[in-house]
Protein backbone atom coordinates (compact mmCIF):
# COMPACT_ATOMS: atom_id res chain seq x y z
CA UNK A 1 2.20 11.09 17.56
CA UNK A 2 5.94 9.97 17.20
CA UNK A 3 6.91 7.41 15.16
CA UNK A 4 9.67 4.87 16.22
CA UNK A 5 12.09 3.35 13.54
CA UNK A 6 11.57 -0.21 13.42
CA UNK A 7 13.32 -3.20 14.27
CA UNK A 8 13.28 -5.19 11.03
CA UNK A 9 13.15 -3.53 7.55
CA UNK A 10 10.16 -2.58 6.29
CA UNK A 11 8.58 -3.48 2.90
CA UNK A 12 8.97 -1.32 -0.27
CA UNK A 13 7.27 0.99 -1.24
CA UNK A 14 5.84 -1.42 -4.27
CA UNK A 15 5.72 -4.29 -1.93
CA UNK A 16 3.02 -1.60 0.41
CA UNK A 17 1.08 -0.58 -2.57
CA UNK A 18 0.63 -4.58 -3.75
CA UNK A 19 -0.59 -5.47 -0.87
CA UNK A 20 -2.88 -2.72 0.52
CA UNK A 21 -4.80 -2.71 -3.18
CA UNK A 22 -5.92 -6.00 -1.49
CA UNK A 23 -7.79 -3.66 0.66
CA UNK A 24 -11.47 -2.93 -0.84
CA UNK A 25 -12.29 0.70 0.64
CA UNK A 26 -15.29 3.01 -0.11
CA UNK A 27 -14.34 6.02 -1.93
CA UNK A 28 -15.25 9.53 -0.47
CA UNK A 29 -14.03 13.11 -1.03
CA UNK A 30 -13.02 15.05 1.78
CA UNK A 31 -13.35 18.83 1.22
CA UNK A 32 -13.21 22.17 2.88
CA UNK A 33 -13.20 25.93 2.95
CA UNK A 34 -12.05 29.19 3.26
CA UNK A 35 -14.02 31.94 2.43
CA UNK A 36 -14.43 31.88 -0.67
CA UNK A 37 -12.10 29.03 -1.56
CA UNK A 38 -13.02 25.18 -1.45
CA UNK A 39 -10.74 22.08 -1.71
CA UNK A 40 -11.44 18.78 -1.59
CA UNK A 41 -9.42 15.63 -2.57
CA UNK A 42 -10.42 11.92 -3.06
CA UNK A 43 -9.67 9.55 -0.27
CA UNK A 44 -10.05 6.21 1.28
CA UNK A 45 -8.57 6.69 4.53
CA UNK A 46 -11.41 6.96 6.52
CA UNK A 47 -13.10 5.25 9.55
CA UNK A 48 -16.18 5.36 11.87
CA UNK A 49 -14.04 6.42 15.15
CA UNK A 50 -16.61 6.64 18.12
CA UNK A 51 -20.25 6.98 18.76
CA UNK A 52 -20.62 9.13 21.51
CA UNK A 53 -19.43 11.50 20.01
CA UNK A 54 -20.64 10.43 16.51
CA UNK A 55 -16.98 10.83 15.04
CA UNK A 56 -15.03 9.25 11.78
CA UNK A 57 -11.18 9.64 11.63
CA UNK A 58 -9.87 10.74 8.12
CA UNK A 59 -6.40 10.42 6.64
CA UNK A 60 -4.81 13.80 4.83
CA UNK A 61 -1.31 14.73 3.42
CA UNK A 62 -0.16 17.19 5.55
CA UNK A 63 1.19 19.54 2.90
CA UNK A 64 -1.82 19.75 1.43
CA UNK A 65 -3.81 22.93 0.95
CA UNK A 66 -6.87 20.71 2.33
CA UNK A 67 -5.08 19.71 5.70
CA UNK A 68 -4.27 23.22 5.75
CA UNK A 69 -8.15 24.38 5.55
CA UNK A 70 -8.99 21.85 7.77
CA UNK A 71 -6.60 23.17 10.50
CA UNK A 72 -7.39 26.79 10.19
CA UNK A 73 -11.19 26.30 9.92
CA UNK A 74 -11.71 23.14 11.84
CA UNK A 75 -14.13 22.11 9.79
CA UNK A 76 -14.24 19.40 6.69
CA UNK A 77 -16.69 17.63 5.10
CA UNK A 78 -17.03 14.33 3.41
CA UNK A 79 -19.66 12.60 0.50
CA UNK A 80 -19.03 9.11 0.49
CA UNK A 81 -19.71 8.08 -3.54
CA UNK A 82 -21.93 5.99 -4.82
CA UNK A 83 -21.09 3.50 -7.44
CA UNK A 84 -22.69 5.58 -10.61
CA UNK A 85 -19.79 9.16 -8.92
CA UNK A 86 -16.32 7.66 -10.35
CA UNK A 87 -15.80 10.60 -12.51
CA UNK A 88 -15.92 12.99 -9.55
CA UNK A 89 -14.14 10.57 -7.70
CA UNK A 90 -10.87 10.69 -10.79
CA UNK A 91 -11.47 14.58 -10.59
CA UNK A 92 -11.07 14.83 -6.77
CA UNK A 93 -8.01 12.52 -7.35
CA UNK A 94 -5.99 15.15 -9.56
CA UNK A 95 -7.35 14.21 -13.15
CA UNK A 96 -8.68 17.62 -13.50
CA UNK A 97 -7.88 21.17 -12.28
CA UNK A 98 -7.94 21.82 -8.71
CA UNK A 99 -10.02 25.03 -10.11
CA UNK A 100 -12.52 22.96 -12.13
CA UNK A 101 -13.28 20.03 -9.62
CA UNK A 102 -16.49 21.39 -7.85
CA UNK A 103 -18.21 21.59 -11.51
CA UNK A 104 -18.32 17.76 -11.54
CA UNK A 105 -21.88 16.73 -10.08
CA UNK A 106 -23.98 19.19 -7.80
CA UNK A 107 -22.25 20.84 -5.16
CA UNK A 108 -24.76 22.93 -2.45
CA UNK A 109 -23.54 23.86 1.40
CA UNK A 110 -24.18 23.05 4.93
CA UNK A 111 -25.37 25.40 7.16
CA UNK A 112 -21.69 25.37 8.40
CA UNK A 113 -21.13 26.74 4.96
CA UNK A 114 -18.95 23.88 4.11
CA UNK A 115 -19.52 22.09 0.62
CA UNK A 116 -22.42 19.49 0.42
CA UNK A 117 -22.14 16.78 -2.57
CA UNK A 118 -25.76 16.06 -3.75
CA UNK A 119 -26.45 12.81 -4.80
CA UNK A 120 -23.62 10.88 -3.10
CA UNK A 121 -24.73 7.73 -0.88
CA UNK A 122 -23.82 9.46 2.45
CA UNK A 123 -23.03 13.15 2.88
CA UNK A 124 -21.49 14.35 6.81
CA UNK A 125 -20.29 18.01 8.04
CA UNK A 126 -18.00 17.68 10.70
CA UNK A 127 -16.30 19.78 13.24
CA UNK A 128 -12.80 19.01 14.15
CA UNK A 129 -12.10 17.65 17.47
CA UNK A 130 -8.92 16.42 17.60
CA UNK A 131 -6.20 15.81 15.64
CA UNK A 132 -2.85 13.23 15.07
CA UNK A 133 0.39 13.95 13.07
CA UNK A 134 2.10 11.14 11.76
CA UNK A 135 4.84 12.65 9.69
CA UNK A 136 3.29 12.82 6.14
CA UNK A 137 -0.29 12.73 6.61
CA UNK A 138 -2.51 14.45 9.70
CA UNK A 139 -5.02 12.13 11.21
CA UNK A 140 -8.77 14.52 11.80
CA UNK A 141 -10.99 13.15 14.10
CA UNK A 142 -14.27 14.56 13.54
CA UNK A 143 -17.44 15.20 14.68
CA UNK A 144 -20.36 14.95 12.70
CA UNK A 145 -22.85 17.79 13.27
CA UNK A 146 -24.80 16.94 10.15
CA UNK A 147 -25.16 13.80 8.02
CA UNK A 148 -27.47 12.75 5.23
CA UNK A 149 -27.80 9.15 3.55
CA UNK A 150 -29.34 7.80 0.84
CA UNK A 151 -29.99 4.34 1.64
CA UNK A 152 -31.40 3.16 -1.75
CA UNK A 153 -27.23 4.24 -3.53
CA UNK A 154 -24.88 1.51 -3.63
CA UNK A 155 -21.12 2.61 -2.75
CA UNK A 156 -18.21 3.21 -4.53
CA UNK A 157 -15.46 0.81 -4.16
CA UNK A 158 -11.92 1.11 -4.55
CA UNK A 159 -10.05 -2.30 -4.81
CA UNK A 160 -6.51 -3.71 -6.83
CA UNK A 161 -6.35 0.33 -8.42
CA UNK A 162 -9.70 0.23 -9.84
CA UNK A 163 -13.31 0.86 -8.65
CA UNK A 164 -16.21 -1.73 -8.20
CA UNK A 165 -20.04 -1.60 -7.09
CA UNK A 166 -21.22 -4.16 -4.36
CA UNK A 167 -23.52 -6.78 -6.36
CA UNK A 168 -27.06 -6.70 -5.25
CA UNK A 169 -26.93 -3.06 -4.22
CA UNK A 170 -28.77 -0.12 -5.67
């Protein structure tokens, strides 16, 4: 997607962060695997794309190793974190060195070989069916080929620079 210049000045980065921090978002970890190497990143830029085919859209930094893995393997997995998994969210957000991130939580794998986080609220395995570059990020459309949901788990929510849980869930 080619982005055109705006006619009016845009807000500053600080104004952008302040405005968008009010949006509550589910916290997920997107992961990829290439050979024996696994990579992952905490994301909140995930959305349901379509029921036909069942698919999601994720936004990944274009210069990241994860974007490279997803582009080359045409696969990714996603774990929607439960309210008690903030430590995993922090680890994959960069607070733990990349080589140690998969030591937190119990990780297995999907039949595809993509990482699978046991105990997450929902986990999905995806095959890339499309992508769009936006300059700084790549939007990957992933068809959901495997899914598991634990309905009794409450989601981990990111809002106003902190984690929250929904009341009355769990």
